[in-house]
Amino acid sequence: MGWALHALPEDADVPWQRIINVHGEISIGKVGIPPELQRALLEREGVKFDLDGRVDFARWGWLGPGISAEAATEVDQCD
């Protein structure tokens, strides 16, 4: 997803700050945007970070249209 955002034109109206890595961490710094800016924008939206700087995917994650974090957890437990 990060590369898709990177390929967008600068004036695209996409909430880039909502994209975090698979570990629930901010990793936008690689494209020249300060990670502190992304965290501040997310916190302004009410997103909470733990002491390690991660977000809880069970609370804040989005796995795709029509897929809840709870449903994904149930599938993982069946494997």
PDB file of N, CA and C in Angstrom:
ATOM      1  N   MET A   1       0.824  -1.192   0.000  1.00  0.00           N
ATOM      2  CA  MET A   1       0.000   0.000   0.000  1.00  0.00           C
ATOM      3  C   MET A   1       0.862   1.247   0.000  1.00  0.00           C
ATOM      4  N   GLY A   2       1.980   1.216   0.678  1.00  0.00           N
ATOM      5  CA  GLY A   2       2.856   2.373   0.722  1.00  0.00           C
ATOM      6  C   GLY A   2       3.321   2.811  -0.655  1.00  0.00           C
ATOM      7  N   TRP A   3       3.658   1.848  -1.507  1.00  0.00           N
ATOM      8  CA  TRP A   3       4.116   2.209  -2.850  1.00  0.00           C
ATOM      9  C   TRP A   3       2.980   2.797  -3.669  1.00  0.00           C
ATOM     10  N   ALA A   4       1.759   2.324  -3.458  1.00  0.00           N
ATOM     11  CA  ALA A   4       0.613   2.895  -4.165  1.00  0.00           C
ATOM     12  C   ALA A   4       0.439   4.359  -3.780  1.00  0.00           C
ATOM     13  N   LEU A   5       0.582   4.661  -2.505  1.00  0.00           N
ATOM     14  CA  LEU A   5       0.489   6.052  -2.058  1.00  0.00           C
ATOM     15  C   LEU A   5       1.639   6.884  -2.614  1.00  0.00           C
ATOM     16  N   HIS A   6       2.811   6.303  -2.669  1.00  0.00           N
ATOM     17  CA  HIS A   6       3.977   7.007  -3.182  1.00  0.00           C
ATOM     18  C   HIS A   6       3.782   7.401  -4.657  1.00  0.00           C
ATOM     19  N   ALA A   7       3.046   6.590  -5.386  1.00  0.00           N
ATOM     20  CA  ALA A   7       2.833   6.837  -6.817  1.00  0.00           C
ATOM     21  C   ALA A   7       1.735   7.862  -7.097  1.00  0.00           C
ATOM     22  N   LEU A   8       0.987   8.251  -6.081  1.00  0.00           N
ATOM     23  CA  LEU A   8      -0.086   9.229  -6.276  1.00  0.00           C
ATOM     24  C   LEU A   8       0.474  10.613  -6.594  1.00  0.00           C
ATOM     25  N   PRO A   9      -0.277  11.396  -7.359  1.00  0.00           N
ATOM     26  CA  PRO A   9       0.144  12.784  -7.558  1.00  0.00           C
ATOM     27  C   PRO A   9       0.081  13.549  -6.237  1.00  0.00           C
ATOM     28  N   GLU A  10       0.890  14.584  -6.110  1.00  0.00           N
ATOM     29  CA  GLU A  10       0.972  15.332  -4.854  1.00  0.00           C
ATOM     30  C   GLU A  10      -0.355  15.937  -4.426  1.00  0.00           C
ATOM     31  N   ASP A  11      -1.216  16.268  -5.376  1.00  0.00           N
ATOM     32  CA  ASP A  11      -2.486  16.905  -5.029  1.00  0.00           C
ATOM     33  C   ASP A  11      -3.625  15.904  -4.816  1.00  0.00           C
ATOM     34  N   ALA A  12      -3.305  14.602  -4.756  1.00  0.00           N
ATOM     35  CA  ALA A  12      -4.335  13.577  -4.545  1.00  0.00           C
ATOM     36  C   ALA A  12      -4.957  13.735  -3.155  1.00  0.00           C
ATOM     37  N   ASP A  13      -6.259  13.558  -3.082  1.00  0.00           N
ATOM     38  CA  ASP A  13      -6.979  13.693  -1.815  1.00  0.00           C
ATOM     39  C   ASP A  13      -7.155  12.314  -1.174  1.00  0.00           C
ATOM     40  N   VAL A  14      -6.043  11.775  -0.686  1.00  0.00           N
ATOM     41  CA  VAL A  14      -6.027  10.444  -0.076  1.00  0.00           C
ATOM     42  C   VAL A  14      -5.487  10.598   1.342  1.00  0.00           C
ATOM     43  N   PRO A  15      -6.130   9.978   2.339  1.00  0.00           N
ATOM     44  CA  PRO A  15      -5.667  10.125   3.729  1.00  0.00           C
ATOM     45  C   PRO A  15      -4.396   9.306   3.993  1.00  0.00           C
ATOM     46  N   TRP A  16      -3.277   9.752   3.447  1.00  0.00           N
ATOM     47  CA  TRP A  16      -2.015   9.022   3.534  1.00  0.00           C
ATOM     48  C   TRP A  16      -1.607   8.733   4.972  1.00  0.00           C
ATOM     49  N   GLN A  17      -1.985   9.601   5.897  1.00  0.00           N
ATOM     50  CA  GLN A  17      -1.548   9.431   7.288  1.00  0.00           C
ATOM     51  C   GLN A  17      -2.117   8.162   7.909  1.00  0.00           C
ATOM     52  N   ARG A  18      -3.142   7.590   7.307  1.00  0.00           N
ATOM     53  CA  ARG A  18      -3.765   6.388   7.881  1.00  0.00           C
ATOM     54  C   ARG A  18      -3.046   5.106   7.496  1.00  0.00           C
ATOM     55  N   ILE A  19      -2.036   5.197   6.670  1.00  0.00           N
ATOM     56  CA  ILE A  19      -1.307   4.000   6.255  1.00  0.00           C
ATOM     57  C   ILE A  19      -0.139   3.771   7.212  1.00  0.00           C
ATOM     58  N   ILE A  20      -0.179   2.630   7.882  1.00  0.00           N
ATOM     59  CA  ILE A  20       0.899   2.222   8.783  1.00  0.00           C
ATOM     60  C   ILE A  20       1.366   0.841   8.348  1.00  0.00           C
ATOM     61  N   ASN A  21       2.517   0.414   8.819  1.00  0.00           N
ATOM     62  CA  ASN A  21       3.032  -0.880   8.363  1.00  0.00           C
ATOM     63  C   ASN A  21       2.343  -2.041   9.074  1.00  0.00           C
ATOM     64  N   VAL A  22       2.677  -3.228   8.669  1.00  0.00           N
ATOM     65  CA  VAL A  22       2.036  -4.436   9.166  1.00  0.00           C
ATOM     66  C   VAL A  22       2.241  -4.646  10.666  1.00  0.00           C
ATOM     67  N   HIS A  23       3.228  -3.982  11.225  1.00  0.00           N
ATOM     68  CA  HIS A  23       3.507  -4.096  12.655  1.00  0.00           C
ATOM     69  C   HIS A  23       2.782  -3.030  13.472  1.00  0.00           C
ATOM     70  N   GLY A  24       1.962  -2.210  12.794  1.00  0.00           N
ATOM     71  CA  GLY A  24       1.252  -1.145  13.487  1.00  0.00           C
ATOM     72  C   GLY A  24       2.115   0.066  13.749  1.00  0.00           C
ATOM     73  N   GLU A  25       3.192   0.177  12.998  1.00  0.00           N
ATOM     74  CA  GLU A  25       4.148   1.262  13.210  1.00  0.00           C
ATOM     75  C   GLU A  25       4.122   2.250  12.042  1.00  0.00           C
ATOM     76  N   ILE A  26       4.537   3.447  12.325  1.00  0.00           N
ATOM     77  CA  ILE A  26       4.712   4.462  11.295  1.00  0.00           C
ATOM     78  C   ILE A  26       6.007   4.163  10.550  1.00  0.00           C
ATOM     79  N   SER A  27       5.952   4.186   9.226  1.00  0.00           N
ATOM     80  CA  SER A  27       7.175   3.968   8.448  1.00  0.00           C
ATOM     81  C   SER A  27       7.224   4.885   7.232  1.00  0.00           C
ATOM     82  N   ILE A  28       6.564   6.014   7.320  1.00  0.00           N
ATOM     83  CA  ILE A  28       6.475   6.965   6.219  1.00  0.00           C
ATOM     84  C   ILE A  28       7.765   7.758   6.023  1.00  0.00           C
ATOM     85  N   GLY A  29       8.652   7.778   7.011  1.00  0.00           N
ATOM     86  CA  GLY A  29       9.870   8.560   6.945  1.00  0.00           C
ATOM     87  C   GLY A  29      10.732   8.256   5.731  1.00  0.00           C
ATOM     88  N   LYS A  30      10.567   7.077   5.152  1.00  0.00           N
ATOM     89  CA  LYS A  30      11.367   6.679   3.994  1.00  0.00           C
ATOM     90  C   LYS A  30      11.036   7.498   2.752  1.00  0.00           C
ATOM     91  N   VAL A  31       9.888   8.162   2.753  1.00  0.00           N
ATOM     92  CA  VAL A  31       9.510   8.974   1.585  1.00  0.00           C
ATOM     93  C   VAL A  31       9.624  10.462   1.887  1.00  0.00           C
ATOM     94  N   GLY A  32      10.300  10.810   2.958  1.00  0.00           N
ATOM     95  CA  GLY A  32      10.587  12.198   3.250  1.00  0.00           C
ATOM     96  C   GLY A  32       9.549  12.947   4.067  1.00  0.00           C
ATOM     97  N   ILE A  33       8.552  12.249   4.601  1.00  0.00           N
ATOM     98  CA  ILE A  33       7.556  12.888   5.461  1.00  0.00           C
ATOM     99  C   ILE A  33       7.932  12.568   6.907  1.00  0.00           C
ATOM    100  N   PRO A  34       7.994  13.564   7.759  1.00  0.00           N
ATOM    101  CA  PRO A  34       8.378  13.297   9.151  1.00  0.00           C
ATOM    102  C   PRO A  34       7.383  12.371   9.857  1.00  0.00           C
ATOM    103  N   PRO A  35       7.868  11.297  10.481  1.00  0.00           N
ATOM    104  CA  PRO A  35       6.979  10.390  11.194  1.00  0.00           C
ATOM    105  C   PRO A  35       6.178  11.092  12.291  1.00  0.00           C
ATOM    106  N   GLU A  36       6.752  12.135  12.868  1.00  0.00           N
ATOM    107  CA  GLU A  36       6.050  12.882  13.920  1.00  0.00           C
ATOM    108  C   GLU A  36       4.785  13.552  13.375  1.00  0.00           C
ATOM    109  N   LEU A  37       4.833  13.974  12.112  1.00  0.00           N
ATOM    110  CA  LEU A  37       3.663  14.575  11.488  1.00  0.00           C
ATOM    111  C   LEU A  37       2.557  13.539  11.338  1.00  0.00           C
ATOM    112  N   GLN A  38       2.906  12.344  10.862  1.00  0.00           N
ATOM    113  CA  GLN A  38       1.907  11.293  10.696  1.00  0.00           C
ATOM    114  C   GLN A  38       1.294  10.927  12.046  1.00  0.00           C
ATOM    115  N   ARG A  39       2.122  10.762  13.049  1.00  0.00           N
ATOM    116  CA  ARG A  39       1.603  10.407  14.375  1.00  0.00           C
ATOM    117  C   ARG A  39       0.676  11.500  14.894  1.00  0.00           C
ATOM    118  N   ALA A  40       1.067  12.758  14.744  1.00  0.00           N
ATOM    119  CA  ALA A  40       0.232  13.873  15.212  1.00  0.00           C
ATOM    120  C   ALA A  40      -1.120  13.884  14.500  1.00  0.00           C
ATOM    121  N   LEU A  41      -1.119  13.632  13.195  1.00  0.00           N
ATOM    122  CA  LEU A  41      -2.381  13.601  12.451  1.00  0.00           C
ATOM    123  C   LEU A  41      -3.266  12.448  12.913  1.00  0.00           C
ATOM    124  N   LEU A  42      -2.663  11.290  13.142  1.00  0.00           N
ATOM    125  CA  LEU A  42      -3.436  10.142  13.627  1.00  0.00           C
ATOM    126  C   LEU A  42      -3.977  10.399  15.030  1.00  0.00           C
ATOM    127  N   GLU A  43      -3.155  10.951  15.893  1.00  0.00           N
ATOM    128  CA  GLU A  43      -3.617  11.247  17.247  1.00  0.00           C
ATOM    129  C   GLU A  43      -4.739  12.274  17.227  1.00  0.00           C
ATOM    130  N   ARG A  44      -4.691  13.207  16.306  1.00  0.00           N
ATOM    131  CA  ARG A  44      -5.767  14.193  16.165  1.00  0.00           C
ATOM    132  C   ARG A  44      -7.084  13.501  15.783  1.00  0.00           C
ATOM    133  N   GLU A  45      -6.972  12.361  15.080  1.00  0.00           N
ATOM    134  CA  GLU A  45      -8.154  11.582  14.720  1.00  0.00           C
ATOM    135  C   GLU A  45      -8.592  10.652  15.851  1.00  0.00           C
ATOM    136  N   GLY A  46      -7.821  10.608  16.937  1.00  0.00           N
ATOM    137  CA  GLY A  46      -8.188   9.773  18.078  1.00  0.00           C
ATOM    138  C   GLY A  46      -7.453   8.459  18.167  1.00  0.00           C
ATOM    139  N   VAL A  47      -6.523   8.205  17.248  1.00  0.00           N
ATOM    140  CA  VAL A  47      -5.763   6.952  17.259  1.00  0.00           C
ATOM    141  C   VAL A  47      -4.793   6.982  18.439  1.00  0.00           C
ATOM    142  N   LYS A  48      -4.750   5.875  19.169  1.00  0.00           N
ATOM    143  CA  LYS A  48      -3.873   5.748  20.343  1.00  0.00           C
ATOM    144  C   LYS A  48      -2.657   4.894  19.992  1.00  0.00           C
ATOM    145  N   PHE A  49      -1.515   5.280  20.515  1.00  0.00           N
ATOM    146  CA  PHE A  49      -0.270   4.544  20.331  1.00  0.00           C
ATOM    147  C   PHE A  49       0.157   3.956  21.669  1.00  0.00           C
ATOM    148  N   ASP A  50       0.785   2.765  21.633  1.00  0.00           N
ATOM    149  CA  ASP A  50       1.308   2.200  22.874  1.00  0.00           C
ATOM    150  C   ASP A  50       2.698   2.785  23.143  1.00  0.00           C
ATOM    151  N   LEU A  51       3.339   2.340  24.201  1.00  0.00           N
ATOM    152  CA  LEU A  51       4.643   2.878  24.582  1.00  0.00           C
ATOM    153  C   LEU A  51       5.729   2.587  23.550  1.00  0.00           C
ATOM    154  N   ASP A  52       5.515   1.571  22.708  1.00  0.00           N
ATOM    155  CA  ASP A  52       6.476   1.234  21.660  1.00  0.00           C
ATOM    156  C   ASP A  52       6.186   1.965  20.349  1.00  0.00           C
ATOM    157  N   GLY A  53       5.174   2.835  20.351  1.00  0.00           N
ATOM    158  CA  GLY A  53       4.840   3.593  19.152  1.00  0.00           C
ATOM    159  C   GLY A  53       4.014   2.824  18.144  1.00  0.00           C
ATOM    160  N   ARG A  54       3.285   1.827  18.609  1.00  0.00           N
ATOM    161  CA  ARG A  54       2.450   1.000  17.722  1.00  0.00           C
ATOM    162  C   ARG A  54       0.978   1.235  18.020  1.00  0.00           C
ATOM    163  N   VAL A  55       0.159   0.969  16.999  1.00  0.00           N
ATOM    164  CA  VAL A  55      -1.289   1.037  17.195  1.00  0.00           C
ATOM    165  C   VAL A  55      -1.833  -0.382  17.269  1.00  0.00           C
ATOM    166  N   ASP A  56      -2.953  -0.545  17.907  1.00  0.00           N
ATOM    167  CA  ASP A  56      -3.608  -1.839  18.077  1.00  0.00           C
ATOM    168  C   ASP A  56      -4.492  -2.114  16.861  1.00  0.00           C
ATOM    169  N   PHE A  57      -4.105  -3.095  16.041  1.00  0.00           N
ATOM    170  CA  PHE A  57      -4.892  -3.398  14.842  1.00  0.00           C
ATOM    171  C   PHE A  57      -6.292  -3.897  15.173  1.00  0.00           C
ATOM    172  N   ALA A  58      -6.455  -4.543  16.291  1.00  0.00           N
ATOM    173  CA  ALA A  58      -7.798  -4.994  16.665  1.00  0.00           C
ATOM    174  C   ALA A  58      -8.734  -3.796  16.826  1.00  0.00           C
ATOM    175  N   ARG A  59      -8.176  -2.666  17.187  1.00  0.00           N
ATOM    176  CA  ARG A  59      -8.967  -1.449  17.382  1.00  0.00           C
ATOM    177  C   ARG A  59      -8.958  -0.552  16.155  1.00  0.00           C
ATOM    178  N   TRP A  60      -7.788  -0.359  15.526  1.00  0.00           N
ATOM    179  CA  TRP A  60      -7.621   0.651  14.488  1.00  0.00           C
ATOM    180  C   TRP A  60      -7.375   0.081  13.094  1.00  0.00           C
ATOM    181  N   GLY A  61      -7.122  -1.215  12.990  1.00  0.00           N
ATOM    182  CA  GLY A  61      -6.766  -1.785  11.694  1.00  0.00           C
ATOM    183  C   GLY A  61      -7.932  -1.913  10.723  1.00  0.00           C
ATOM    184  N   TRP A  62      -7.607  -1.906   9.461  1.00  0.00           N
ATOM    185  CA  TRP A  62      -8.572  -2.127   8.389  1.00  0.00           C
ATOM    186  C   TRP A  62      -7.951  -3.121   7.436  1.00  0.00           C
ATOM    187  N   LEU A  63      -8.611  -4.232   7.220  1.00  0.00           N
ATOM    188  CA  LEU A  63      -8.050  -5.311   6.423  1.00  0.00           C
ATOM    189  C   LEU A  63      -8.623  -5.372   5.012  1.00  0.00           C
ATOM    190  N   GLY A  64      -9.554  -4.503   4.735  1.00  0.00           N
ATOM    191  CA  GLY A  64     -10.165  -4.466   3.409  1.00  0.00           C
ATOM    192  C   GLY A  64     -11.659  -4.322   3.537  1.00  0.00           C
ATOM    193  N   PRO A  65     -12.326  -4.088   2.414  1.00  0.00           N
ATOM    194  CA  PRO A  65     -13.770  -3.896   2.469  1.00  0.00           C
ATOM    195  C   PRO A  65     -14.488  -5.158   2.968  1.00  0.00           C
ATOM    196  N   GLY A  66     -15.322  -4.989   3.973  1.00  0.00           N
ATOM    197  CA  GLY A  66     -16.118  -6.097   4.482  1.00  0.00           C
ATOM    198  C   GLY A  66     -15.378  -7.074   5.368  1.00  0.00           C
ATOM    199  N   ILE A  67     -14.139  -6.787   5.733  1.00  0.00           N
ATOM    200  CA  ILE A  67     -13.360  -7.700   6.576  1.00  0.00           C
ATOM    201  C   ILE A  67     -13.049  -6.993   7.889  1.00  0.00           C
ATOM    202  N   SER A  68     -13.520  -7.550   8.975  1.00  0.00           N
ATOM    203  CA  SER A  68     -13.234  -6.952  10.281  1.00  0.00           C
ATOM    204  C   SER A  68     -11.996  -7.607  10.881  1.00  0.00           C
ATOM    205  N   ALA A  69     -11.348  -6.911  11.799  1.00  0.00           N
ATOM    206  CA  ALA A  69     -10.192  -7.473  12.499  1.00  0.00           C
ATOM    207  C   ALA A  69     -10.601  -8.722  13.268  1.00  0.00           C
ATOM    208  N   GLU A  70     -11.814  -8.714  13.830  1.00  0.00           N
ATOM    209  CA  GLU A  70     -12.285  -9.884  14.580  1.00  0.00           C
ATOM    210  C   GLU A  70     -12.428 -11.094  13.666  1.00  0.00           C
ATOM    211  N   ALA A  71     -12.969 -10.895  12.464  1.00  0.00           N
ATOM    212  CA  ALA A  71     -13.134 -11.999  11.526  1.00  0.00           C
ATOM    213  C   ALA A  71     -11.778 -12.553  11.108  1.00  0.00           C
ATOM    214  N   ALA A  72     -10.816 -11.679  10.869  1.00  0.00           N
ATOM    215  CA  ALA A  72      -9.479 -12.122  10.489  1.00  0.00           C
ATOM    216  C   ALA A  72      -8.834 -12.905  11.614  1.00  0.00           C
ATOM    217  N   THR A  73      -9.037 -12.490  12.859  1.00  0.00           N
ATOM    218  CA  THR A  73      -8.490 -13.205  14.007  1.00  0.00           C
ATOM    219  C   THR A  73      -9.081 -14.599  14.100  1.00  0.00           C
ATOM    220  N   GLU A  74     -10.379 -14.722  13.855  1.00  0.00           N
ATOM    221  CA  GLU A  74     -11.028 -16.027  13.888  1.00  0.00           C
ATOM    222  C   GLU A  74     -10.461 -16.940  12.827  1.00  0.00           C
ATOM    223  N   VAL A  75     -10.191 -16.432  11.635  1.00  0.00           N
ATOM    224  CA  VAL A  75      -9.620 -17.234  10.563  1.00  0.00           C
ATOM    225  C   VAL A  75      -8.212 -17.676  10.945  1.00  0.00           C
ATOM    226  N   ASP A  76      -7.413 -16.769  11.506  1.00  0.00           N
ATOM    227  CA  ASP A  76      -6.053 -17.112  11.927  1.00  0.00           C
ATOM    228  C   ASP A  76      -6.058 -18.215  12.976  1.00  0.00           C
ATOM    229  N   GLN A  77      -7.030 -18.221  13.867  1.00  0.00           N
ATOM    230  CA  GLN A  77      -7.095 -19.207  14.930  1.00  0.00           C
ATOM    231  C   GLN A  77      -7.490 -20.580  14.399  1.00  0.00           C
ATOM    232  N   CYS A  78      -8.111 -20.629  13.227  1.00  0.00           N
ATOM    233  CA  CYS A  78      -8.525 -21.905  12.634  1.00  0.00           C
ATOM    234  C   CYS A  78      -7.379 -22.594  11.931  1.00  0.00           C
ATOM    235  N   ASP A  79      -6.332 -21.869  11.569  1.00  0.00           N
ATOM    236  CA  ASP A  79      -5.199 -22.447  10.820  1.00  0.00           C
ATOM    237  C   ASP A  79      -4.368 -23.358  11.673  1.00  0.00           C
TER     238      ASP A  79
END
